Protein backbone atom coordinates (compact mmCIF):
# COMPACT_ATOMS: atom_id res chain seq x y z
CA MET A 1 40.49 107.32 69.81
CA LYS A 2 36.82 108.06 69.56
CA ASN A 3 36.62 109.46 73.08
CA MET A 4 39.78 111.55 72.67
CA LEU A 5 38.83 113.03 69.30
CA LEU A 6 35.28 113.74 70.34
CA SER A 7 36.56 115.51 73.44
CA LEU A 8 38.92 117.57 71.28
CA LEU A 9 36.08 118.54 68.95
CA VAL A 10 33.91 119.65 71.87
CA VAL A 11 36.71 121.60 73.57
CA LEU A 12 37.69 123.39 70.37
CA SER A 13 34.06 124.09 69.60
CA PHE A 14 33.57 125.85 72.93
CA SER A 15 36.86 127.65 72.45
CA GLY A 16 35.78 128.75 69.01
CA PHE A 17 32.41 130.00 70.20
CA SER A 18 34.13 131.89 73.02
CA GLN A 19 36.53 133.53 70.62
CA ASN A 20 33.74 134.30 68.22
CA THR A 21 31.92 136.17 71.01
CA THR A 22 34.99 138.26 71.92
CA GLN A 23 35.29 139.29 68.28
CA ASN A 24 31.68 140.56 68.30
CA LYS A 25 30.84 137.81 65.87
CA LYS A 26 33.13 139.18 63.18
CA GLU A 27 35.31 136.74 61.34
CA LYS A 28 38.99 137.49 61.09
CA LYS A 29 40.65 137.45 57.74
CA GLU A 30 42.17 134.06 57.08
CA ILE A 31 45.85 133.51 57.63
CA VAL A 32 47.67 132.45 54.46
CA LYS A 33 49.58 129.33 55.46
CA LYS A 34 53.13 128.74 54.31
CA GLY A 35 55.64 125.92 54.55
CA TRP A 36 54.90 122.65 56.31
CA ASN A 37 51.90 122.42 58.63
CA ILE A 38 51.70 119.39 60.94
CA LEU A 39 48.71 118.13 62.95
CA PRO A 40 49.41 115.07 65.16
CA PHE A 41 46.84 113.10 67.20
CA PRO A 42 47.62 110.24 69.65
CA TYR A 43 44.82 107.87 70.68
CA LEU A 44 44.05 105.03 73.05
CA THR A 45 41.01 102.71 72.88
CA PHE A 46 39.84 99.34 74.19
CA ASP A 47 37.92 96.48 72.61
CA THR A 48 36.64 93.50 74.62
CA ASP A 49 37.97 91.00 72.10
CA LEU A 50 40.83 92.82 70.37
CA GLY A 51 42.38 94.37 73.49
CA ILE A 52 43.94 97.79 74.03
CA GLU A 53 44.72 99.90 70.97
CA PHE A 54 47.67 102.30 71.00
CA GLY A 55 48.12 104.61 68.06
CA ALA A 56 48.70 108.02 66.50
CA SER A 57 48.00 109.80 63.25
CA SER A 58 49.51 112.88 61.66
CA SER A 59 48.90 115.02 58.60
CA PHE A 60 51.71 116.98 56.94
CA VAL A 61 50.74 119.67 54.43
CA ASN A 62 53.24 121.84 52.53
CA TYR A 63 51.87 125.15 51.25
CA GLY A 64 55.20 126.39 49.91
CA ASP A 65 55.33 130.20 49.73
CA GLY A 66 51.55 130.39 50.26
CA GLN A 67 50.66 131.58 46.76
CA LEU A 68 48.58 128.48 46.12
CA TYR A 69 46.80 128.47 49.53
CA PRO A 70 44.40 126.78 50.29
CA LYS A 71 45.79 124.48 47.61
CA TYR A 72 49.01 122.72 48.56
CA TYR A 73 52.24 121.42 47.08
CA HIS A 74 52.42 118.18 49.03
CA MET A 75 50.18 116.31 51.49
CA ILE A 76 51.30 113.34 53.57
CA ALA A 77 49.13 111.35 56.00
CA ILE A 78 50.56 108.78 58.38
CA SER A 79 48.66 106.65 60.90
CA ALA A 80 49.57 103.60 62.94
CA SER A 81 47.86 101.64 65.66
CA VAL A 82 48.37 98.26 67.32
CA TYR A 83 45.92 96.14 69.33
CA THR A 84 47.39 93.98 72.05
CA LYS A 85 45.82 90.84 70.51
CA GLY A 86 47.20 91.18 67.02
CA SER A 87 45.08 93.54 64.93
CA ALA A 88 46.75 96.67 63.62
CA THR A 89 46.51 99.49 61.09
CA PHE A 90 49.41 101.12 59.26
CA LEU A 91 48.94 103.74 56.54
CA PHE A 92 51.15 106.06 54.56
CA SER A 93 49.56 108.22 51.86
CA TYR A 94 50.91 110.97 49.60
CA ASP A 95 49.25 113.45 47.27
CA SER A 96 50.95 116.13 45.15
CA ASP A 97 50.72 118.07 41.92
CA HIS A 98 54.39 118.95 42.09
CA LEU A 99 56.39 115.76 42.58
CA ILE A 100 56.46 115.04 38.82
CA LYS A 101 56.04 118.06 36.56
CA GLY A 102 52.71 117.99 34.77
CA PHE A 103 51.36 115.02 36.78
CA LYS A 104 49.17 114.67 39.83
CA THR A 105 50.68 111.86 41.93
CA LYS A 106 48.71 109.85 44.49
CA MET A 107 49.95 106.83 46.37
CA ASP A 108 49.34 104.95 49.57
CA VAL A 109 50.66 101.91 51.38
CA ALA A 110 48.52 100.17 53.97
CA TYR A 111 49.07 97.05 56.07
CA LEU A 112 45.95 95.87 57.86
CA PRO A 113 46.16 92.64 59.89
CA ASP A 114 42.66 92.15 61.33
CA MET A 115 41.85 89.44 63.87
CA ALA A 116 38.10 90.10 63.52
CA PHE A 117 37.25 91.19 59.99
CA ASP A 118 33.54 91.43 59.16
CA PHE A 119 31.93 88.69 57.05
CA PHE A 120 28.16 88.55 56.45
CA GLY A 121 27.98 86.44 53.32
CA TYR A 122 27.28 87.57 49.78
CA ASN A 123 24.67 89.43 47.74
CA GLY A 124 23.23 91.68 50.45
CA TYR A 125 19.81 90.76 51.78
CA ASP A 126 20.03 87.40 50.00
CA ALA A 127 22.25 86.50 52.97
CA VAL A 128 20.27 86.60 56.22
CA TYR A 129 21.85 88.53 59.11
CA ASN A 130 20.83 87.46 62.63
CA GLU A 131 22.19 90.13 64.99
CA ALA A 132 21.21 88.15 68.09
CA TRP A 133 23.68 85.41 67.14
CA ARG A 134 26.59 87.75 67.83
CA THR A 135 25.08 89.85 70.62
CA ASP A 136 26.31 88.66 74.03
CA GLY A 137 23.33 88.22 76.33
CA ALA A 138 20.71 88.13 73.60
CA ALA A 139 18.36 85.17 73.19
CA GLY A 140 19.97 82.82 70.70
CA TYR A 141 23.51 84.20 71.22
CA ARG A 142 26.21 82.07 69.63
CA SER A 143 29.47 84.02 69.50
CA ARG A 144 30.66 87.60 69.16
CA MET A 145 32.84 86.23 66.41
CA PHE A 146 30.04 84.54 64.45
CA TYR A 147 30.20 87.13 61.64
CA LYS A 148 33.99 87.46 61.69
CA GLN A 149 37.05 86.04 59.97
CA LYS A 150 40.80 86.65 60.26
CA ARG A 151 42.35 88.65 57.46
CA LYS A 152 45.76 90.15 56.75
CA MET A 153 45.93 92.64 53.89
CA LEU A 154 48.78 94.55 52.29
CA ARG A 155 47.76 97.20 49.78
CA VAL A 156 49.88 99.44 47.57
CA ARG A 157 48.16 101.95 45.28
CA THR A 158 49.65 104.44 42.82
CA THR A 159 47.83 106.80 40.48
CA PHE A 160 49.25 109.31 38.04
CA GLU A 161 47.00 111.90 36.37
CA HIS A 162 47.89 114.32 33.56
CA ALA A 163 45.80 117.25 32.31
CA ILE A 164 44.55 117.10 28.69
CA LEU A 165 45.32 120.35 26.84
CA ASN A 166 45.03 122.49 29.99
CA SER A 167 41.39 121.50 30.38
CA HIS A 168 39.51 120.13 33.38
CA PHE A 169 39.96 116.64 31.91
CA ARG A 170 42.83 114.39 32.99
CA TRP A 171 43.77 110.91 31.94
CA LEU A 172 44.91 108.55 34.67
CA THR A 173 46.96 105.44 34.88
CA GLY A 174 48.42 103.46 37.72
CA LEU A 175 49.13 100.15 39.41
CA GLU A 176 47.68 98.58 42.52
CA PHE A 177 48.80 95.52 44.46
CA TYR A 178 46.82 93.53 47.01
CA SER A 179 47.94 90.63 49.16
CA VAL A 180 44.98 89.14 51.01
CA LYS A 181 45.37 86.28 53.48
CA THR A 182 42.14 84.93 54.96
CA SER A 183 41.37 82.22 57.52
CA SER A 184 39.15 81.37 60.44
CA VAL A 185 39.22 83.55 63.56
CA ASN A 186 41.99 82.66 66.04
CA ILE A 187 39.76 82.13 69.06
CA ASP A 188 42.58 80.95 71.34
CA ARG A 189 44.49 84.21 70.81
CA LEU A 190 41.39 86.34 71.37
CA ASN A 191 40.59 84.43 74.58
CA LYS A 192 44.16 84.71 75.93
CA GLY A 193 44.24 86.49 79.25
CA LYS A 194 40.46 86.59 79.65
CA LYS A 195 38.70 85.47 82.77
CA GLU A 196 35.23 86.53 81.65
CA LYS A 197 33.28 86.75 78.37
CA MET A 198 35.23 83.88 76.85
CA LEU A 199 34.55 83.17 73.18
CA PRO A 200 33.33 79.65 72.27
CA SER A 201 35.71 77.48 70.24
CA ILE A 202 35.53 77.18 66.47
CA ASP A 203 34.64 73.47 66.85
CA SER A 204 31.63 74.19 69.07
CA VAL A 205 30.40 77.33 67.24
CA PRO A 206 31.78 77.61 63.67
CA PRO A 207 31.56 81.23 62.44
CA LEU A 208 29.74 81.98 59.18
CA TYR A 209 33.02 82.10 57.24
CA ASP A 210 33.81 78.51 58.26
CA ARG A 211 30.28 77.47 57.34
CA TYR A 212 30.65 78.94 53.86
CA ILE A 213 33.80 76.83 53.41
CA HIS A 214 32.08 73.70 54.80
CA TRP A 215 29.16 74.27 52.41
CA GLY A 216 31.50 74.74 49.43
CA ILE A 217 30.37 78.30 48.76
CA ILE A 218 33.90 79.45 49.38
CA THR A 219 36.17 76.99 47.54
CA ASP A 220 39.41 75.48 48.75
CA GLU A 221 41.20 77.52 46.06
CA GLU A 222 39.89 80.83 47.48
CA LYS A 223 39.47 80.21 51.23
CA ASN A 224 43.01 81.33 52.11
CA GLY A 225 42.98 84.42 49.87
CA GLY A 226 45.76 85.27 47.45
CA PHE A 227 47.45 88.21 45.79
CA PHE A 228 46.64 90.14 42.66
CA SER A 229 47.74 93.29 40.84
CA LEU A 230 45.60 95.80 38.97
CA LEU A 231 46.58 97.77 35.92
CA LYS A 232 44.27 100.76 35.65
CA ALA A 233 43.50 103.46 33.10
CA GLY A 234 40.79 106.06 32.96
CA MET A 235 39.57 109.65 32.73
CA VAL A 236 38.95 112.29 35.38
CA TYR A 237 36.91 115.53 35.09
CA ASP A 238 37.58 117.90 37.96
CA THR A 239 36.25 121.45 38.49
CA ARG A 240 36.36 121.51 42.32
CA ASP A 241 37.40 124.76 44.01
CA GLN A 242 39.39 122.77 46.65
CA GLU A 243 40.53 119.18 46.86
CA GLN A 244 39.91 118.18 50.46
CA THR A 245 36.96 120.44 51.39
CA PRO A 246 35.23 121.44 48.14
CA MET A 247 32.20 123.71 48.22
CA ARG A 248 31.47 123.77 44.50
CA GLY A 249 32.35 121.91 41.33
CA ILE A 250 32.26 118.40 39.85
CA TRP A 251 34.64 115.51 40.23
CA ALA A 252 33.91 112.54 37.97
CA GLU A 253 35.97 109.59 36.91
CA ALA A 254 35.69 106.37 34.95
CA THR A 255 38.36 103.70 35.34
CA LEU A 256 39.04 100.27 33.89
CA LEU A 257 40.96 97.92 36.20
CA ALA A 258 42.53 94.79 34.79
CA ALA A 259 43.85 91.99 37.01
CA PRO A 260 45.99 89.75 34.76
CA LYS A 261 46.33 86.10 35.72
CA PHE A 262 50.13 86.19 35.36
CA MET A 263 50.34 88.97 38.02
CA SER A 264 48.38 87.01 40.61
CA THR A 265 47.69 83.70 42.29
CA MET A 266 44.27 83.62 40.58
CA SER A 267 43.21 80.90 38.17
CA SER A 268 41.89 83.48 35.68
CA SER A 269 41.96 87.20 34.95
CA PHE A 270 39.21 89.77 35.50
CA LEU A 271 38.33 93.27 34.34
CA LYS A 272 36.29 95.75 36.39
CA LEU A 273 34.72 99.10 35.53
CA ALA A 274 34.40 101.79 38.21
CA VAL A 275 32.45 104.99 37.59
CA TYR A 276 32.10 107.88 40.07
CA TRP A 277 30.20 111.17 39.88
CA ARG A 278 30.62 113.68 42.72
CA GLN A 279 29.08 117.15 42.65
CA TYR A 280 29.21 120.05 45.12
CA ILE A 281 26.41 122.62 44.85
CA PRO A 282 26.80 125.83 46.92
CA PHE A 283 23.73 127.47 48.47
CA ILE A 284 25.59 130.06 50.57
CA LYS A 285 29.12 130.86 49.46
CA ASN A 286 31.74 129.18 51.64
CA ARG A 287 29.03 128.31 54.16
CA LEU A 288 26.41 125.86 52.94
CA SER A 289 26.53 123.30 50.16
CA LEU A 290 24.98 120.04 48.99
CA ALA A 291 27.50 117.33 48.19
CA TYR A 292 26.50 114.05 46.53
CA ARG A 293 28.30 111.06 45.14
CA LEU A 294 27.08 108.31 42.83
CA ASN A 295 29.09 105.17 42.20
CA TYR A 296 28.84 102.09 39.99
CA GLN A 297 31.34 99.22 40.01
CA SER A 298 31.15 95.83 38.37
CA THR A 299 33.14 92.97 36.88
CA ILE A 300 32.68 93.22 33.10
CA ALA A 301 34.92 90.33 32.03
CA GLY A 302 36.51 87.27 33.61
CA TYR A 303 36.04 85.93 37.11
CA ALA A 304 36.84 87.84 40.31
CA PRO A 305 37.60 85.59 43.35
CA VAL A 306 35.43 86.24 46.40
CA TYR A 307 38.33 87.70 48.41
CA THR A 308 38.54 90.55 45.82
CA GLU A 309 34.86 91.46 45.91
CA THR A 310 34.87 93.67 49.02
CA PHE A 311 37.15 96.27 47.46
CA MET A 312 35.95 99.60 46.06
CA PHE A 313 38.28 100.97 43.40
CA ASN A 314 38.85 104.67 42.65
CA SER A 315 41.67 107.17 42.25
CA VAL A 316 41.42 108.47 45.85
CA ALA A 317 44.17 107.55 48.32
CA ASN A 318 43.09 109.16 51.56
CA GLY A 319 41.89 106.41 53.84
CA LEU A 320 42.73 103.09 55.45
CA TYR A 321 39.88 101.12 53.89
CA ASN A 322 38.48 101.03 50.36
CA GLU A 323 35.80 98.43 51.08
CA GLY A 324 32.04 98.10 51.35
CA LEU A 325 29.15 98.29 51.04
CA GLY A 326 28.66 99.29 54.64
CA GLY A 327 30.83 101.07 57.15
CA ALA A 328 32.65 104.36 57.32
CA LYS A 329 33.46 104.87 53.62
CA THR A 330 30.34 103.76 51.72
CA VAL A 331 26.98 103.32 53.51
CA ARG A 332 27.42 104.71 57.03
CA GLY A 333 25.27 103.12 59.71
CA MET A 334 25.20 99.75 57.94
CA VAL A 335 27.52 97.06 59.27
CA ARG A 336 30.77 96.86 57.26
CA ASN A 337 30.73 94.52 54.25
CA ARG A 338 27.03 93.81 54.64
CA ALA A 339 26.41 93.92 50.89
CA VAL A 340 29.19 92.24 48.87
CA GLY A 341 28.57 91.44 45.22
CA ASP A 342 30.14 91.27 41.78
CA GLY A 343 28.55 94.61 40.88
CA ILE A 344 27.28 97.39 43.15
CA VAL A 345 25.81 100.87 43.09
CA ASN A 346 25.73 103.39 45.90
CA GLY A 347 24.89 106.98 46.57
CA ASN A 348 25.72 109.49 49.29
CA PHE A 349 23.84 112.78 49.71
CA GLU A 350 25.20 115.21 52.27
CA LEU A 351 24.33 118.77 53.33
CA ARG A 352 27.39 120.53 54.75
CA TRP A 353 27.11 123.73 56.80
CA ALA A 354 30.16 125.65 58.02
CA VAL A 355 28.52 127.01 61.17
CA LEU A 356 31.65 128.71 62.52
CA LYS A 357 34.90 130.01 61.06
CA VAL A 358 37.58 131.09 63.54
CA ILE A 359 41.30 131.50 63.92
CA LEU A 360 42.72 129.51 66.79
CA PHE A 361 46.40 128.93 67.61
CA LYS A 362 47.23 130.71 64.32
CA GLN A 363 45.23 128.12 62.37
CA ASN A 364 42.20 128.69 60.14
CA ILE A 365 39.53 126.45 61.64
CA ASP A 366 36.04 125.67 60.36
CA PHE A 367 33.39 123.81 62.32
CA VAL A 368 31.20 122.00 59.81
CA LEU A 369 27.93 120.23 60.61
CA SER A 370 26.46 117.73 58.16
CA GLY A 371 23.31 115.72 57.62
CA PHE A 372 23.32 112.84 55.15
CA PHE A 373 21.47 109.99 53.50
CA ASP A 374 23.44 106.98 52.19
CA THR A 375 22.20 104.09 50.06
CA GLY A 376 23.53 101.18 48.04
CA ARG A 377 22.84 97.68 46.77
CA VAL A 378 24.21 94.73 44.85
CA VAL A 379 23.23 94.88 41.17
CA LYS A 380 25.28 91.94 39.92
CA LYS A 381 25.37 88.97 42.27
CA ILE A 382 28.18 86.58 43.00
CA ASN A 383 27.11 83.36 41.32
CA ILE A 384 26.49 81.02 44.23
CA ASP A 385 22.79 80.08 43.73
CA ASP A 386 23.56 76.60 42.37
CA LYS A 387 25.75 75.83 45.37
CA ILE A 388 23.08 77.03 47.79
CA ASN A 389 20.33 75.07 46.02
CA SER A 390 22.37 71.89 46.17
CA LEU A 391 22.83 72.05 49.97
CA THR A 392 21.00 69.47 52.00
CA ASN A 393 19.45 70.06 55.43
CA GLU A 394 22.15 67.86 56.92
CA GLU A 395 24.87 70.12 55.49
CA ILE A 396 23.13 73.30 56.65
CA ASP A 397 22.67 71.83 60.11
CA TYR A 398 26.39 72.12 60.81
CA LYS A 399 26.95 71.76 64.58
CA HIS A 400 23.68 73.62 65.24
CA VAL A 401 20.74 71.28 65.45
CA GLY A 402 17.66 72.75 63.81
CA ASP A 403 19.34 75.23 61.44
CA THR A 404 17.66 75.51 58.04
CA LYS A 405 18.43 77.29 54.76
CA ALA A 406 16.00 80.06 55.73
CA ASP A 407 18.28 80.89 58.68
CA TYR A 408 21.05 81.80 56.25
CA PHE A 409 19.67 82.49 52.81
CA LYS A 410 16.71 84.41 51.39
CA PRO A 411 17.27 84.51 47.61
CA GLY A 412 15.80 87.34 45.55
CA THR A 413 15.37 89.79 48.41
CA GLU A 414 18.24 92.16 47.72
CA LYS A 415 17.22 95.81 47.45
CA PHE A 416 18.66 99.21 48.44
CA HIS A 417 20.20 99.45 51.89
CA ASN A 418 19.35 102.89 53.32
CA THR A 419 20.82 104.84 56.21
CA ALA A 420 20.84 108.38 57.53
CA GLY A 421 22.79 110.42 60.04
CA GLY A 422 24.81 113.51 60.81
CA GLY A 423 28.38 114.57 61.46
CA LEU A 424 30.71 117.14 62.93
CA HIS A 425 33.96 118.05 61.17
CA LEU A 426 36.87 120.11 62.36
CA VAL A 427 38.63 121.52 59.31
CA VAL A 428 42.11 123.05 59.72
CA ASN A 429 43.46 125.22 56.93
CA HIS A 430 40.96 123.73 54.46
CA ASN A 431 42.89 120.48 54.09
CA ILE A 432 43.27 118.73 57.44
CA VAL A 433 39.95 117.29 58.60
CA ILE A 434 38.92 115.47 61.76
CA ALA A 435 35.56 113.82 61.13
CA ALA A 436 32.95 112.39 63.42
CA ASP A 437 29.95 110.80 61.69
CA PHE A 438 26.95 109.11 63.35
CA ALA A 439 24.44 107.06 61.36
CA LYS A 440 21.58 104.59 61.67
CA ALA A 441 20.34 101.93 59.28
CA PHE A 442 16.64 101.86 58.28
CA ASN A 443 16.49 98.05 58.15
CA LYS A 444 17.37 95.81 61.11
CA GLN A 445 19.03 93.41 58.64
CA ASP A 446 21.74 96.07 58.27
CA GLY A 447 22.34 96.37 62.03
CA THR A 448 20.47 98.02 64.87
CA GLY A 449 23.28 99.91 66.60
CA LEU A 450 24.34 103.48 66.02
CA GLY A 451 27.28 103.63 63.62
CA VAL A 452 30.04 105.89 65.04
CA TYR A 453 32.92 106.79 62.73
CA ILE A 454 35.86 108.92 63.92
CA GLY A 455 38.65 109.56 61.48
CA SER A 456 40.14 111.89 58.90
CA PHE A 457 38.76 113.53 55.74
CA PHE A 458 35.25 113.98 54.49
CA LEU A 459 33.64 110.88 52.96
CA PHE A 460 34.11 112.43 49.50
């Protein structure tokens, strides 16, 4: 997928520049789009451990009679992909101001079975990350699956928003459902059909997830996951000029999310608070703007099981994953789920420049370059210090002679995780976006590789 989408971006960029030249660098007046507009993309990728990925994604946008353009009546996004060794992604999302009169309706359904889901421990830098342990060929290599676990997740999210007295304020309510099944990596399945680069067995090299269970940090009650539902209510303030590609305005929201015990497999209930502030500041009209997002989320009552702590909760329903910190949707350039805690903060600061606006194939197309700085940290830790302090050297030294606590834990060292990078976005009719972001972490504890993220939509 990455190679195909990048190629498409490059080809269309050259086509756009060519057309721009033939027009003597004059921009054509935009076409007002009407009816349904569809943009499909097939893709094919390969992963050494997960196998071949086959998939496709499509966006369907209905502009009606065009009077609202670039705003829309209905937007639907569908994507599906399957890896030959069991991982997959399935997503359906819907967004409309016109399904229910007076309400903005958002919903999505995602099923994400993942044979190699990232797991780096809890509380950010308090958990030591040794990249060599999972880097094939590096000194000290253990397994490419050392920081992985198996996870199957079904997520259903619905949000309904209603304007308050025709103002920019809206109240929101909704329901979310999560079914999370976790276990150790299925090494036999991942090794099936391989003749080279075989993964070591769980017995010989237990991944970190298995070690956390062995050490009692992840309890027997929580090690296999569970299901829970969230009842949510909050407020939204929205003055954006556009929903998918805003250039000016503010979008802020504060939401309370309650997970009742009777609607879950949990032993107790919990209540979380999620607060977002997004602002878009134009420097050159329709060309250059600064976009930034600030986020705070924390458990404010009850106890949240560890399998719930990776999720980021907001009213947006435009992506496969709502998890972090780290990865494509929170702190780009940092390995996914690097900083998991009971309370987090993060910020994203992005300069967006529409370097070229053209009309190609009867579509309004913008080529947008971006430069960004992302940051985030755990501000409320998952309470595991007593369990860590009680561990003996014999327990730490689990099938790896010589391991010590310092190899896995460094209490009190959590701080902001910082990254920076740039991106290229292909925007079709202001609402359909193909995004390619590239980012690098400042600290080696957050990963040394270049983060490459190809997908849909701007980050925020």
